Protein backbone atom coordinates (compact mmCIF):
# COMPACT_ATOMS: atom_id res chain seq x y z
CA UNK A 1 -17.68 33.33 80.78
CA UNK A 2 -14.15 33.87 79.87
CA UNK A 3 -13.88 30.05 78.75
CA UNK A 4 -17.32 30.61 77.25
CA UNK A 5 -15.22 33.30 75.16
CA UNK A 6 -12.32 31.44 74.33
CA UNK A 7 -14.42 28.54 73.15
CA UNK A 8 -16.63 31.55 70.91
CA UNK A 9 -13.56 32.78 69.36
CA UNK A 10 -11.77 29.13 68.16
CA UNK A 11 -14.84 28.29 66.70
CA UNK A 12 -14.85 31.32 64.68
CA UNK A 13 -11.38 30.67 64.02
CA UNK A 14 -11.97 27.13 62.93
CA UNK A 15 -14.82 28.19 60.67
CA UNK A 16 -12.70 30.97 58.87
CA UNK A 17 -10.11 28.49 58.40
CA UNK A 18 -12.12 25.87 56.59
CA UNK A 19 -13.92 28.86 55.04
CA UNK A 20 -11.03 30.06 53.40
CA UNK A 21 -9.69 26.39 52.17
CA UNK A 22 -11.51 25.78 49.32
CA UNK A 23 -9.76 22.42 48.51
CA UNK A 24 -9.91 20.99 44.83
CA UNK A 25 -12.13 22.85 42.04
CA UNK A 26 -12.93 21.68 38.61
CA UNK A 27 -15.23 23.54 36.60
CA UNK A 28 -15.45 24.26 32.54
CA UNK A 29 -12.90 26.11 30.73
CA UNK A 30 -13.84 28.35 27.96
CA UNK A 31 -10.08 28.57 26.46
CA UNK A 32 -10.33 32.31 26.86
CA UNK A 33 -10.51 33.55 30.51
CA UNK A 34 -7.01 33.58 32.65
CA UNK A 35 -6.13 30.17 34.23
CA UNK A 36 -5.11 32.27 37.06
CA UNK A 37 -2.54 29.24 37.98
CA UNK A 38 -5.10 26.63 37.44
CA UNK A 39 -3.95 23.37 35.78
CA UNK A 40 -6.34 22.57 31.83
CA UNK A 41 -7.35 19.02 31.07
CA UNK A 42 -9.44 18.23 27.84
CA UNK A 43 -11.24 15.11 27.61
CA UNK A 44 -10.63 13.64 23.89
CA UNK A 45 -13.03 13.15 20.50
CA UNK A 46 -12.29 10.54 18.55
CA UNK A 47 -10.84 11.37 14.90
CA UNK A 48 -11.85 8.74 12.27
CA UNK A 49 -9.89 7.48 9.55
CA UNK A 50 -10.35 5.09 7.01
CA UNK A 51 -7.43 3.09 5.95
CA UNK A 52 -7.14 1.56 2.11
CA UNK A 53 -4.36 -0.41 1.36
CA UNK A 54 -3.33 -1.36 -2.19
CA UNK A 55 -1.02 -3.31 -3.86
CA UNK A 56 1.37 -2.48 -6.46
CA UNK A 57 3.28 -5.26 -9.09
CA UNK A 58 6.03 -4.24 -11.40
CA UNK A 59 6.81 -6.98 -13.44
CA UNK A 60 10.65 -6.15 -14.76
CA UNK A 61 11.96 -8.52 -17.79
CA UNK A 62 16.08 -9.72 -17.49
CA UNK A 63 18.28 -9.15 -19.69
CA UNK A 64 18.38 -12.77 -21.60
CA UNK A 65 14.49 -13.29 -21.17
CA UNK A 66 14.92 -14.10 -25.07
CA UNK A 67 17.02 -16.90 -24.70
CA UNK A 68 15.00 -18.18 -21.09
CA UNK A 69 13.25 -21.06 -23.20
CA UNK A 70 16.18 -22.21 -25.04
CA UNK A 71 18.51 -22.61 -22.01
CA UNK A 72 16.27 -22.93 -18.92
CA UNK A 73 13.07 -24.55 -20.60
CA UNK A 74 11.28 -22.00 -18.71
CA UNK A 75 7.97 -20.29 -20.92
CA UNK A 76 7.30 -18.18 -18.12
CA UNK A 77 9.86 -15.52 -18.42
CA UNK A 78 8.59 -11.80 -18.11
CA UNK A 79 9.26 -10.47 -21.96
CA UNK A 80 7.57 -7.35 -21.44
CA UNK A 81 7.71 -4.65 -18.52
CA UNK A 82 4.26 -3.83 -16.43
CA UNK A 83 3.02 -2.33 -13.53
CA UNK A 84 -0.57 -2.93 -11.98
CA UNK A 85 -2.43 -1.98 -8.70
CA UNK A 86 -5.14 -3.75 -6.81
CA UNK A 87 -7.14 -3.08 -4.39
CA UNK A 88 -6.13 -5.32 -0.95
CA UNK A 89 -7.65 -4.07 1.97
CA UNK A 90 -9.18 -1.11 4.07
CA UNK A 91 -9.78 -1.17 8.01
CA UNK A 92 -10.81 2.08 10.41
CA UNK A 93 -8.33 3.52 12.74
CA UNK A 94 -9.00 6.22 15.74
CA UNK A 95 -7.03 9.02 16.49
CA UNK A 96 -7.54 10.69 20.20
CA UNK A 97 -7.13 14.36 20.13
CA UNK A 98 -7.71 16.69 22.68
CA UNK A 99 -12.15 18.42 22.44
CA UNK A 100 -12.27 21.98 22.58
CA UNK A 101 -15.25 21.79 23.84
CA UNK A 102 -14.90 19.64 26.70
CA UNK A 103 -11.94 21.57 28.55
CA UNK A 104 -11.69 21.73 32.47
CA UNK A 105 -9.60 24.12 34.80
CA UNK A 106 -8.02 22.08 37.95
CA UNK A 107 -7.19 24.40 41.05
CA UNK A 108 -6.39 23.21 44.32
CA UNK A 109 -5.42 19.91 43.58
CA UNK A 110 -2.74 18.12 45.90
CA UNK A 111 -3.02 14.46 44.11
CA UNK A 112 -0.27 13.39 41.06
CA UNK A 113 -1.79 14.00 37.67
CA UNK A 114 -0.58 11.87 34.45
CA UNK A 115 -1.20 12.74 30.89
CA UNK A 116 -1.12 10.64 27.91
CA UNK A 117 1.62 11.15 25.55
CA UNK A 118 2.49 15.10 26.87
CA UNK A 119 -0.82 16.43 26.07
CA UNK A 120 -3.61 18.13 27.51
CA UNK A 121 -5.54 14.25 27.66
CA UNK A 122 -5.69 13.09 31.70
CA UNK A 123 -4.49 9.46 32.00
CA UNK A 124 -4.62 8.86 36.06
CA UNK A 125 -4.91 11.19 38.98
CA UNK A 126 -3.47 10.30 42.24
CA UNK A 127 -1.12 7.47 43.02
CA UNK A 128 -0.73 4.06 41.25
CA UNK A 129 1.45 1.50 40.02
CA UNK A 130 3.09 2.67 36.47
CA UNK A 131 2.99 -0.89 34.28
CA UNK A 132 5.54 -1.85 32.01
CA UNK A 133 4.23 -0.97 28.31
CA UNK A 134 3.57 -4.37 26.67
CA UNK A 135 5.94 -5.05 24.52
CA UNK A 136 5.20 -6.74 20.91
CA UNK A 137 6.86 -10.25 20.16
CA UNK A 138 9.27 -10.04 16.96
CA UNK A 139 8.52 -12.36 14.27
CA UNK A 140 11.63 -14.28 13.42
CA UNK A 141 10.71 -13.83 10.34
CA UNK A 142 11.82 -10.40 9.28
CA UNK A 143 10.23 -9.06 5.76
CA UNK A 144 12.59 -9.33 3.17
CA UNK A 145 13.26 -6.37 1.16
CA UNK A 146 12.65 -6.59 -2.13
CA UNK A 147 15.98 -6.42 -4.44
CA UNK A 148 15.48 -4.59 -7.63
CA UNK A 149 18.27 -4.77 -9.44
CA UNK A 150 19.61 -7.85 -12.18
CA UNK A 151 23.32 -8.75 -10.71
CA UNK A 152 25.40 -9.76 -13.88
CA UNK A 153 28.26 -9.26 -11.37
CA UNK A 154 27.90 -12.56 -10.70
CA UNK A 155 29.07 -14.01 -14.42
CA UNK A 156 32.56 -13.33 -13.46
CA UNK A 157 35.11 -11.51 -15.43
CA UNK A 158 34.97 -13.17 -18.70
CA UNK A 159 31.24 -13.27 -19.02
CA UNK A 160 31.53 -9.26 -18.25
CA UNK A 161 34.49 -8.62 -20.60
CA UNK A 162 32.08 -9.97 -23.68
CA UNK A 163 30.41 -7.69 -25.79
CA UNK A 164 28.33 -10.68 -27.16
CA UNK A 165 24.51 -11.06 -25.08
CA UNK A 166 23.77 -14.55 -26.45
CA UNK A 167 27.68 -15.62 -25.03
CA UNK A 168 26.52 -13.83 -22.01
CA UNK A 169 23.13 -16.02 -21.33
CA UNK A 170 25.17 -18.69 -22.54
CA UNK A 171 27.65 -18.71 -19.21
CA UNK A 172 24.80 -17.44 -16.79
CA UNK A 173 22.65 -20.79 -17.70
CA UNK A 174 26.06 -23.27 -17.35
CA UNK A 175 26.67 -21.08 -13.55
CA UNK A 176 22.95 -22.25 -12.97
CA UNK A 177 23.59 -26.00 -13.73
CA UNK A 178 26.77 -26.15 -11.70
CA UNK A 179 25.12 -24.32 -8.93
CA UNK A 180 22.53 -27.05 -8.94
CA UNK A 181 25.33 -29.86 -9.20
CA UNK A 182 27.02 -28.42 -6.20
CA UNK A 183 23.79 -28.35 -4.14
CA UNK A 184 23.04 -31.82 -5.36
CA UNK A 185 25.97 -33.26 -4.09
CA UNK A 186 26.42 -31.43 -1.04
CA UNK A 187 23.34 -32.63 0.01
CA UNK A 188 23.69 -36.60 -1.29
CA UNK A 189 27.37 -36.37 0.75
CA UNK A 190 29.20 -36.68 -2.37
CA UNK A 191 32.10 -34.43 -2.20
CA UNK A 192 35.66 -35.06 -0.68
CA UNK A 193 35.42 -33.00 2.58
CA UNK A 194 31.70 -32.70 3.63
CA UNK A 195 31.45 -29.34 5.76
CA UNK A 196 29.95 -29.27 9.13
CA UNK A 197 25.84 -28.69 9.70
CA UNK A 198 26.43 -25.10 10.01
CA UNK A 199 28.89 -24.22 7.58
CA UNK A 200 26.33 -26.67 5.09
CA UNK A 201 23.55 -24.03 5.88
CA UNK A 202 25.69 -20.76 4.93
CA UNK A 203 27.09 -22.40 1.59
CA UNK A 204 23.31 -24.08 0.96
CA UNK A 205 22.22 -20.51 1.46
CA UNK A 206 24.55 -19.30 -0.57
CA UNK A 207 24.08 -21.21 -3.48
CA UNK A 208 20.10 -20.71 -2.94
CA UNK A 209 21.18 -16.92 -2.92
CA UNK A 210 23.00 -17.15 -6.33
CA UNK A 211 21.18 -19.38 -8.54
CA UNK A 212 18.11 -17.34 -7.78
CA UNK A 213 19.86 -14.04 -8.90
CA UNK A 214 20.89 -15.55 -12.07
CA UNK A 215 17.56 -17.10 -13.19
CA UNK A 216 16.05 -13.80 -12.46
CA UNK A 217 18.83 -12.80 -15.44
CA UNK A 218 16.57 -14.86 -17.60
CA UNK A 219 12.54 -15.17 -16.26
CA UNK A 220 12.53 -11.26 -14.82
CA UNK A 221 11.59 -10.21 -11.52
CA UNK A 222 8.19 -9.72 -10.22
CA UNK A 223 8.31 -6.59 -7.27
CA UNK A 224 5.66 -6.38 -5.37
CA UNK A 225 4.65 -3.09 -2.79
CA UNK A 226 2.01 -2.09 -0.81
CA UNK A 227 0.98 1.65 -0.33
CA UNK A 228 -1.77 2.75 2.70
CA UNK A 229 -3.61 6.04 2.43
CA UNK A 230 -6.23 7.29 5.08
CA UNK A 231 -9.08 9.45 4.68
CA UNK A 232 -10.75 11.43 7.47
CA UNK A 233 -14.02 10.97 8.18
CA UNK A 234 -16.71 12.75 10.78
CA UNK A 235 -18.04 10.05 12.73
CA UNK A 236 -20.94 12.44 13.81
CA UNK A 237 -22.70 12.86 10.17
CA UNK A 238 -25.00 10.37 8.74
CA UNK A 239 -23.77 9.58 5.22
CA UNK A 240 -24.87 6.80 2.94
CA UNK A 241 -22.49 5.49 -0.45
CA UNK A 242 -20.08 8.44 0.29
CA UNK A 243 -17.00 7.52 -2.40
CA UNK A 244 -14.11 8.47 0.58
CA UNK A 245 -11.87 7.06 -2.64
CA UNK A 246 -10.97 5.33 -6.11
CA UNK A 247 -9.00 2.50 -6.96
CA UNK A 248 -7.55 2.65 -10.30
CA UNK A 249 -5.30 -0.69 -11.77
CA UNK A 250 -3.34 2.12 -13.52
CA UNK A 251 -2.70 4.64 -10.87
CA UNK A 252 -3.60 2.90 -7.71
CA UNK A 253 -5.25 4.62 -4.91
CA UNK A 254 -6.92 8.26 -6.21
CA UNK A 255 -9.26 10.96 -5.23
CA UNK A 256 -12.86 10.11 -5.27
CA UNK A 257 -13.33 12.76 -8.11
CA UNK A 258 -10.99 10.71 -10.24
CA UNK A 259 -13.08 8.95 -12.56
CA UNK A 260 -10.46 6.75 -13.65
CA UNK A 261 -10.99 4.25 -10.97
CA UNK A 262 -13.86 2.30 -8.84
CA UNK A 263 -15.57 3.92 -5.83
CA UNK A 264 -14.66 2.72 -2.18
CA UNK A 265 -17.95 3.90 -0.47
CA UNK A 266 -18.68 4.16 3.17
CA UNK A 267 -22.01 4.26 5.35
CA UNK A 268 -21.47 6.22 8.53
CA UNK A 269 -24.20 5.59 11.14
CA UNK A 270 -24.17 7.14 14.04
CA UNK A 271 -25.96 6.37 17.65
CA UNK A 272 -26.14 9.84 19.66
CA UNK A 273 -26.41 9.57 22.86
CA UNK A 274 -27.77 12.80 24.73
CA UNK A 275 -27.13 13.60 28.40
CA UNK A 276 -30.08 13.13 31.36
CA UNK A 277 -31.61 16.34 32.49
CA UNK A 278 -29.64 17.85 35.24
CA UNK A 279 -31.77 18.61 38.61
CA UNK A 280 -31.06 22.25 40.26
CA UNK A 281 -29.24 20.05 42.92
CA UNK A 282 -26.98 18.67 40.44
CA UNK A 283 -26.40 21.89 38.58
CA UNK A 284 -25.31 23.39 41.89
CA UNK A 285 -23.21 20.74 43.42
CA UNK A 286 -19.22 20.64 43.26
CA UNK A 287 -18.39 18.40 40.66
CA UNK A 288 -15.30 16.18 40.90
CA UNK A 289 -13.40 15.25 37.59
CA UNK A 290 -15.02 15.15 34.30
CA UNK A 291 -15.18 11.97 31.89
CA UNK A 292 -16.97 11.22 28.71
CA UNK A 293 -19.90 8.71 28.56
CA UNK A 294 -19.53 7.65 24.61
CA UNK A 295 -21.73 7.57 22.02
CA UNK A 296 -21.28 5.11 19.12
CA UNK A 297 -21.04 4.77 15.49
CA UNK A 298 -21.40 2.03 12.76
CA UNK A 299 -18.70 2.34 9.77
CA UNK A 300 -19.04 -0.19 6.51
CA UNK A 301 -16.38 0.08 4.18
CA UNK A 302 -17.11 -1.82 0.58
CA UNK A 303 -15.15 -2.15 -2.99
CA UNK A 304 -16.76 -3.64 -5.63
CA UNK A 305 -18.61 -7.19 -4.96
CA UNK A 306 -15.83 -8.90 -3.26
CA UNK A 307 -15.04 -6.76 -0.08
CA UNK A 308 -16.37 -5.15 2.31
CA UNK A 309 -15.91 -4.65 6.44
CA UNK A 310 -17.76 -3.21 9.14
CA UNK A 311 -16.67 -1.69 12.62
CA UNK A 312 -18.54 -0.33 15.90
CA UNK A 313 -16.64 2.44 17.30
CA UNK A 314 -17.11 4.13 20.70
CA UNK A 315 -17.16 7.54 20.06
CA UNK A 316 -16.98 10.26 23.00
CA UNK A 317 -18.18 13.16 20.77
CA UNK A 318 -21.72 11.17 19.92
CA UNK A 319 -22.27 10.90 23.86
CA UNK A 320 -21.91 13.66 26.19
CA UNK A 321 -19.21 14.29 29.26
CA UNK A 322 -20.59 14.03 33.15
CA UNK A 323 -18.81 14.01 36.67
CA UNK A 324 -18.02 11.92 38.98
CA UNK A 325 -18.35 12.68 42.82
CA UNK A 326 -16.00 15.37 44.61
CA UNK A 327 -14.93 12.66 47.12
CA UNK A 328 -13.36 10.18 44.19
CA UNK A 329 -9.50 11.45 43.99
CA UNK A 330 -7.55 7.97 42.57
CA UNK A 331 -8.94 7.90 38.77
CA UNK A 332 -7.64 6.06 36.00
CA UNK A 333 -8.66 7.28 32.23
CA UNK A 334 -8.89 5.37 29.31
CA UNK A 335 -7.89 6.65 25.92
CA UNK A 336 -11.34 7.45 24.70
CA UNK A 337 -11.99 10.02 28.07
CA UNK A 338 -13.86 7.26 29.71
CA UNK A 339 -13.43 5.71 33.55
CA UNK A 340 -10.98 2.83 33.77
CA UNK A 341 -11.14 2.39 37.43
CA UNK A 342 -11.08 4.46 40.52
CA UNK A 343 -10.76 3.69 44.29
C-alpha cells in the first residue's frame, strides 16, 4: 500500500513538471500586445526597385583648339562645348525588409538565433558552421578617374610667361613632337644610356601621359560619366505600360511626368500563390518556425525599340507563410524567408 502511494505521488509530480514546462512556442504577433520578454522575428518581403543608368558625355574644347589643324593636322578637335545624355541600361534590384504582417513571437527557445544584418530577419536557428563571406576578386585594371582639367603647366616657364596664345600653342606642339621622338629613341634603343626594363616602363608611361595631356590642349577632352537612379514599384499589382521615368538627351533621367524625355515603360505581371486550406487539426497544432512560400513576378522594362529586358523574381508577399514541424530545431533561412536547409 505504501509503495503504491509513493509511485502515485512520483507520477503526479512528473506530470506536473512536464505540464509546467512549455518548451519552445512560436505564434503570430500583432506588434501591439506585450511581448513579456519573448523575442520577435519577422519574415521578409521584397521591395523591387527599377535601376536606370544613363551616360553623360561632356565635350570640352581645349585652349588651343583653333590651332589643332595647323600644328597637329587634326581635324577632329572639339571646337564647341556641349553636353548630352544617352540611355545605357536598366535592371531590377531586390531589397528585403521585415514584413509587418508576418511577425512572430518566440518564447522558450534554447537554441542560438542569428539574424541577417542585425535586423528582425532570421538567418539561422541552432548551431551551424559560420561560412566566410565570399570575397570578390578585385579587377587588376581599376577604373580611371577622368581628369577634367587642362594642364598648361606642362608647357614650362617660358611658355607660361608668354601672353601670346599662338606662341604657347606652337611651344605645346614642339613638346609633343619632342616626346614622340624620345619615345621612338627609347623603343629603338637609340639612346646613349638605355634604361633597364622597369625604368623604361616608367619613362614611357610618363611620356604617354604628358603627350596625352598636351594633345588635349588642342583636341579637347571628352568626359564620360554614368548616373543611376532607382524607382520603387509594387510587385503585387499588375501593371501594363507604366511610365516609370523618362530619358532626356538634355537633362538625363527625369520624372515620368516630365515630357522633355522619351518614356521608359515597365510591365508588372505578378503570380499570386494562395495558401492551402488548413484543417482543424492543423490550426490547433503547435507550430514550429514560420517560413515563406513565395509567389513570383515578371518584370518587363522597355525603352524605345532598342532596349528591353525581362526578369522573373520570387516575391514572398505574393505567396504565403507556413510553418515547420516543432521537431525541426536546426534551420537555415534564405534572405527571402524560404528554407535553405534543416537538420
